[in-house]
Protein backbone atom coordinates (compact mmCIF):
# COMPACT_ATOMS: atom_id res chain seq x y z
CA MET A 1 56.05 74.71 125.16
CA ILE A 2 59.79 74.35 125.56
CA GLU A 3 61.47 71.14 124.44
CA VAL A 4 65.10 70.34 125.10
CA HIS A 5 66.77 67.15 123.83
CA ASP A 6 70.35 66.04 124.42
CA LEU A 7 71.54 69.52 125.40
CA ARG A 8 75.27 69.69 126.08
CA LYS A 9 77.56 72.56 127.09
CA GLU A 10 81.31 72.23 127.34
CA TYR A 11 83.74 75.01 128.16
CA VAL A 12 87.35 74.74 127.00
CA GLU A 13 89.98 76.79 128.77
CA ALA A 14 93.69 76.30 128.19
CA GLU A 15 92.89 73.14 126.21
CA THR A 16 91.14 71.62 129.26
CA PRO A 17 87.46 70.80 128.65
CA THR A 18 84.90 71.22 131.45
CA LEU A 19 81.51 69.63 130.92
CA ALA A 20 78.82 71.91 132.41
CA LEU A 21 75.75 70.07 131.06
CA ARG A 22 75.57 66.57 129.60
CA ASP A 23 72.63 65.17 127.61
CA VAL A 24 69.90 67.26 129.30
CA THR A 25 66.40 66.40 128.08
CA PHE A 26 63.06 67.83 129.28
CA THR A 27 59.75 69.34 128.17
CA ILE A 28 57.90 72.23 129.80
CA ALA A 29 54.24 72.43 128.76
CA LYS A 30 52.50 75.74 128.11
CA GLY A 31 51.34 77.19 131.44
CA GLU A 32 53.48 74.79 133.49
CA PHE A 33 55.60 76.22 136.32
CA VAL A 34 59.03 74.72 136.98
CA SER A 35 61.95 75.38 139.29
CA ILE A 36 65.62 74.60 138.83
CA MET A 37 67.41 73.39 141.94
CA GLY A 38 70.84 71.94 142.62
CA PRO A 39 74.12 72.53 144.39
CA SER A 40 76.54 75.26 143.44
CA GLY A 41 78.31 74.47 140.18
CA SER A 42 75.69 71.99 138.94
CA GLY A 43 74.83 73.96 135.78
CA LYS A 44 71.67 75.89 136.76
CA SER A 45 72.88 79.27 135.48
CA THR A 46 74.37 77.68 132.37
CA LEU A 47 71.01 76.05 131.59
CA LEU A 48 69.19 79.38 131.95
CA ARG A 49 71.76 81.14 129.74
CA LEU A 50 71.24 78.48 127.08
CA LEU A 51 67.45 78.73 127.30
CA THR A 52 67.59 82.53 126.88
CA ARG A 53 70.19 82.11 124.11
CA GLU A 54 72.84 84.18 125.90
CA GLN A 55 75.11 81.22 125.16
CA ILE A 56 75.19 78.66 122.36
CA PRO A 57 75.14 74.96 123.31
CA SER A 58 78.00 72.67 122.35
CA SER A 59 75.35 70.34 120.91
CA ALA A 60 71.61 69.77 120.98
CA ARG A 61 69.37 67.54 118.89
CA ARG A 62 66.14 69.56 119.04
CA THR A 63 65.48 72.49 121.32
CA ALA A 64 63.28 75.55 121.84
CA SER A 65 59.60 76.19 121.38
CA PRO A 66 57.90 75.57 118.02
CA ASN A 67 57.70 79.30 117.18
CA SER A 68 61.24 80.33 118.09
CA PRO A 69 64.60 79.82 116.37
CA PRO A 70 66.74 76.85 117.46
CA MET A 71 68.90 77.35 120.54
CA THR A 72 71.95 76.76 118.37
CA GLN A 73 71.28 80.18 116.81
CA ASN A 74 71.71 83.43 118.75
CA PRO A 75 68.75 85.71 117.83
CA ALA A 76 70.93 88.80 118.41
CA SER A 77 73.35 87.65 115.70
CA PRO A 78 72.60 88.57 112.11
CA SER A 79 71.45 85.73 109.88
CA PRO A 80 73.93 84.53 107.26
CA PRO A 81 73.21 85.84 103.74
């Protein structure tokens, strides 16, 4: 199962913030198939990068599956001592 609650991603470039995702919440049950659809620039690729932990969210209350680390932690990064 994948649970995502209040997921938010904001990019800041030259002190100008751009909100890519705002307060995204959903659950995908084990064995469930889903598709992500939307117009260009709506945040589909950003959402997938956050789910695969290629990027870190700006904020999220509770995310990921029960057996994986939180999405706010990049698994490729070493753990702090």
